C-alpha atoms as a PDB file:
ATOM      1  CA  MET A   1       0.000   0.000   0.000  1.00  0.00           C
ATOM      2  CA  PRO A   2       1.310   3.518  -0.723  1.00  0.00           C
ATOM      3  CA  LEU A   3       2.108   5.828   2.199  1.00  0.00           C
ATOM      4  CA  ILE A   4       3.210   9.473   1.985  1.00  0.00           C
ATOM      5  CA  ILE A   5       4.815  11.623   4.676  1.00  0.00           C
ATOM      6  CA  ARG A   6       4.652  15.362   3.981  1.00  0.00           C
ATOM      7  CA  SER A   7       7.540  17.193   5.651  1.00  0.00           C
ATOM      8  CA  ALA A   8       8.942  20.697   5.497  1.00  0.00           C
ATOM      9  CA  ASN A   9      11.435  19.423   2.905  1.00  0.00           C
ATOM     10  CA  GLY A  10       8.898  17.668   0.644  1.00  0.00           C
ATOM     11  CA  GLU A  11       7.027  14.404   0.230  1.00  0.00           C
ATOM     12  CA  HIS A  12       8.514  11.057   1.182  1.00  0.00           C
ATOM     13  CA  ARG A  13       6.880   8.046  -0.462  1.00  0.00           C
ATOM     14  CA  PHE A  14       6.890   4.513   0.900  1.00  0.00           C
ATOM     15  CA  THR A  15       5.336   1.181   0.055  1.00  0.00           C
ATOM     16  CA  VAL A  16       4.105  -0.387   3.281  1.00  0.00           C
ATOM     17  CA  GLU A  17       2.666  -3.683   4.367  1.00  0.00           C
ATOM     18  CA  VAL A  18      -0.525  -3.417   6.424  1.00  0.00           C
ATOM     19  CA  ALA A  19      -0.737  -5.178   9.789  1.00  0.00           C
ATOM     20  CA  ALA A  20      -4.540  -5.272   9.897  1.00  0.00           C
ATOM     21  CA  THR A  21      -5.314  -8.466  11.827  1.00  0.00           C
ATOM     22  CA  PRO A  22      -4.330  -9.201  15.428  1.00  0.00           C
ATOM     23  CA  GLU A  23      -1.987 -11.932  14.155  1.00  0.00           C
ATOM     24  CA  GLN A  24      -0.283  -9.564  11.698  1.00  0.00           C
ATOM     25  CA  GLN A  25       0.016  -6.898  14.391  1.00  0.00           C
ATOM     26  CA  GLU A  26       1.546  -9.367  16.831  1.00  0.00           C
ATOM     27  CA  ARG A  27       4.154 -10.481  14.293  1.00  0.00           C
ATOM     28  CA  GLY A  28       4.916  -7.085  12.754  1.00  0.00           C
ATOM     29  CA  LEU A  29       8.447  -7.035  11.335  1.00  0.00           C
ATOM     30  CA  MET A  30       9.749  -9.797  13.603  1.00  0.00           C
ATOM     31  CA  PHE A  31      12.464 -12.053  12.189  1.00  0.00           C
ATOM     32  CA  ARG A  32      13.242  -9.776   9.210  1.00  0.00           C
ATOM     33  CA  THR A  33      16.950  -9.334   8.514  1.00  0.00           C
ATOM     34  CA  SER A  34      16.631  -6.186   6.385  1.00  0.00           C
ATOM     35  CA  LEU A  35      14.179  -3.471   5.375  1.00  0.00           C
ATOM     36  CA  ALA A  36      14.574  -1.282   2.282  1.00  0.00           C
ATOM     37  CA  GLY A  37      14.606   2.481   2.788  1.00  0.00           C
ATOM     38  CA  ASP A  38      11.343   2.935   0.883  1.00  0.00           C
ATOM     39  CA  ARG A  39       9.492   0.128   2.692  1.00  0.00           C
ATOM     40  CA  GLY A  40       7.747  -0.227   6.031  1.00  0.00           C
ATOM     41  CA  MET A  41       4.713  -1.510   7.875  1.00  0.00           C
ATOM     42  CA  ILE A  42       1.631   0.396   9.030  1.00  0.00           C
ATOM     43  CA  PHE A  43      -0.516  -0.660  11.981  1.00  0.00           C
ATOM     44  CA  PRO A  44      -3.896   1.096  11.540  1.00  0.00           C
ATOM     45  CA  TYR A  45      -6.214   1.687  14.516  1.00  0.00           C
ATOM     46  CA  ASP A  46      -9.865   2.734  14.251  1.00  0.00           C
ATOM     47  CA  PRO A  47     -10.809   4.090  16.683  1.00  0.00           C
ATOM     48  CA  PRO A  48      -7.465   5.583  17.789  1.00  0.00           C
ATOM     49  CA  ILE A  49      -5.771   3.910  20.784  1.00  0.00           C
ATOM     50  CA  ASP A  50      -2.924   4.500  23.200  1.00  0.00           C
ATOM     51  CA  ALA A  51      -0.423   2.113  21.604  1.00  0.00           C
ATOM     52  CA  SER A  52       2.687   0.511  23.028  1.00  0.00           C
ATOM     53  CA  PHE A  53       5.229  -1.431  20.971  1.00  0.00           C
ATOM     54  CA  TRP A  54       8.263  -3.564  21.761  1.00  0.00           C
ATOM     55  CA  MET A  55      11.049  -5.096  19.703  1.00  0.00           C
ATOM     56  CA  LYS A  56      10.711  -8.748  20.747  1.00  0.00           C
ATOM     57  CA  ASN A  57      12.179 -11.011  18.025  1.00  0.00           C
ATOM     58  CA  THR A  58      12.876  -7.970  15.838  1.00  0.00           C
ATOM     59  CA  LEU A  59      16.365  -8.374  14.417  1.00  0.00           C
ATOM     60  CA  ILE A  60      16.919  -4.901  12.947  1.00  0.00           C
ATOM     61  CA  PRO A  61      16.628  -1.410  14.461  1.00  0.00           C
ATOM     62  CA  LEU A  62      13.399   0.388  13.560  1.00  0.00           C
ATOM     63  CA  ASP A  63      12.029   3.902  13.672  1.00  0.00           C
ATOM     64  CA  ILE A  64       8.571   3.659  15.238  1.00  0.00           C
ATOM     65  CA  VAL A  65       6.444   6.566  14.052  1.00  0.00           C
ATOM     66  CA  PHE A  66       3.237   7.214  16.010  1.00  0.00           C
ATOM     67  CA  VAL A  67       0.529   8.952  13.953  1.00  0.00           C
ATOM     68  CA  GLY A  68      -2.304  10.788  15.713  1.00  0.00           C
ATOM     69  CA  ALA A  69      -5.965  10.835  14.723  1.00  0.00           C
ATOM     70  CA  ASN A  70      -5.301  14.048  12.766  1.00  0.00           C
ATOM     71  CA  HIS A  71      -2.703  12.157  10.646  1.00  0.00           C
ATOM     72  CA  ARG A  72       0.139  14.151  12.188  1.00  0.00           C
ATOM     73  CA  ILE A  73       3.175  12.471  13.716  1.00  0.00           C
ATOM     74  CA  VAL A  74       2.942  12.733  17.508  1.00  0.00           C
ATOM     75  CA  ARG A  75       6.148  10.828  18.363  1.00  0.00           C
ATOM     76  CA  ILE A  76       9.101   9.151  16.701  1.00  0.00           C
ATOM     77  CA  ALA A  77      10.972   6.466  18.621  1.00  0.00           C
ATOM     78  CA  ALA A  78      14.178   6.464  16.574  1.00  0.00           C
ATOM     79  CA  ASN A  79      16.408   3.412  16.193  1.00  0.00           C
ATOM     80  CA  ALA A  80      14.465   1.200  18.588  1.00  0.00           C
ATOM     81  CA  ALA A  81      16.880  -1.459  19.830  1.00  0.00           C
ATOM     82  CA  PRO A  82      16.545  -4.927  18.300  1.00  0.00           C
ATOM     83  CA  MET A  83      15.242  -7.663  20.614  1.00  0.00           C
ATOM     84  CA  SER A  84      14.358  -5.216  23.413  1.00  0.00           C
ATOM     85  CA  LEU A  85      11.361  -6.028  25.594  1.00  0.00           C
ATOM     86  CA  ASP A  86      11.126  -2.438  26.861  1.00  0.00           C
ATOM     87  CA  PRO A  87       7.746  -0.870  26.042  1.00  0.00           C
ATOM     88  CA  ILE A  88       7.702   2.035  23.592  1.00  0.00           C
ATOM     89  CA  PRO A  89       4.491   3.995  24.273  1.00  0.00           C
ATOM     90  CA  SER A  90       2.777   6.322  21.828  1.00  0.00           C
ATOM     91  CA  GLY A  91       2.210   9.004  24.471  1.00  0.00           C
ATOM     92  CA  ALA A  92      -1.141   9.917  22.885  1.00  0.00           C
ATOM     93  CA  PRO A  93      -4.005   8.159  21.095  1.00  0.00           C
ATOM     94  CA  VAL A  94      -2.911   7.137  17.587  1.00  0.00           C
ATOM     95  CA  SER A  95      -4.700   6.104  14.423  1.00  0.00           C
ATOM     96  CA  GLY A  96      -1.604   4.413  13.077  1.00  0.00           C
ATOM     97  CA  VAL A  97       1.898   3.294  13.885  1.00  0.00           C
ATOM     98  CA  LEU A  98       4.490   3.189  11.106  1.00  0.00           C
ATOM     99  CA  GLU A  99       7.650   1.119  11.304  1.00  0.00           C
ATOM    100  CA  LEU A 100      10.571   2.162   9.102  1.00  0.00           C
ATOM    101  CA  ARG A 101      14.211   1.093   8.849  1.00  0.00           C
ATOM    102  CA  GLY A 102      16.105   2.467  11.852  1.00  0.00           C
ATOM    103  CA  GLY A 103      17.458   5.969  11.237  1.00  0.00           C
ATOM    104  CA  ARG A 104      15.335   6.562   8.132  1.00  0.00           C
ATOM    105  CA  ALA A 105      13.194   9.319   9.661  1.00  0.00           C
ATOM    106  CA  ALA A 106      16.294  11.360  10.557  1.00  0.00           C
ATOM    107  CA  GLU A 107      17.873  10.708   7.130  1.00  0.00           C
ATOM    108  CA  LEU A 108      14.789  12.157   5.429  1.00  0.00           C
ATOM    109  CA  GLY A 109      14.171  14.988   7.914  1.00  0.00           C
ATOM    110  CA  ILE A 110      10.853  13.515   9.074  1.00  0.00           C
ATOM    111  CA  ARG A 111       9.708  15.150  12.313  1.00  0.00           C
ATOM    112  CA  GLU A 112       6.863  15.313  14.786  1.00  0.00           C
ATOM    113  CA  GLY A 113       4.011  17.330  13.277  1.00  0.00           C
ATOM    114  CA  ASP A 114       4.570  16.035   9.727  1.00  0.00           C
ATOM    115  CA  THR A 115       1.476  14.642   8.001  1.00  0.00           C
ATOM    116  CA  VAL A 116       1.090  10.951   7.114  1.00  0.00           C
ATOM    117  CA  THR A 117      -1.455   9.496   4.684  1.00  0.00           C
ATOM    118  CA  TRP A 118      -1.866   5.915   3.564  1.00  0.00           C
ATOM    119  CA  GLY A 119      -4.204   3.905   1.411  1.00  0.00           C
ATOM    120  CA  SER A 120      -5.112   3.901  -2.215  1.00  0.00           C
END
């Protein structure tokens, strides 16, 4: 599925997998050994929830991007440590959580407040 982040420095386009079912959300990007810079995974929530993620069985660092109900980024947990069981909370209700390759948000200048849209 296409996903676009609109930042001060332009649009950043990704192709993301959708973790729509509880099983897909539980597995996420576990056991992956790489993730291309233009790829990711979106976890949609309707209605918005207070989300918390962890890195159990995740072999690569990830940027975890929490997207509020207004489609604006409310928090970026950059370079989340592989295999960590520490919770990573959203800090606010979110309508989606985007996982990108670790460090990608900083590389592209993606920041809190940027707008995220996904879908066809």
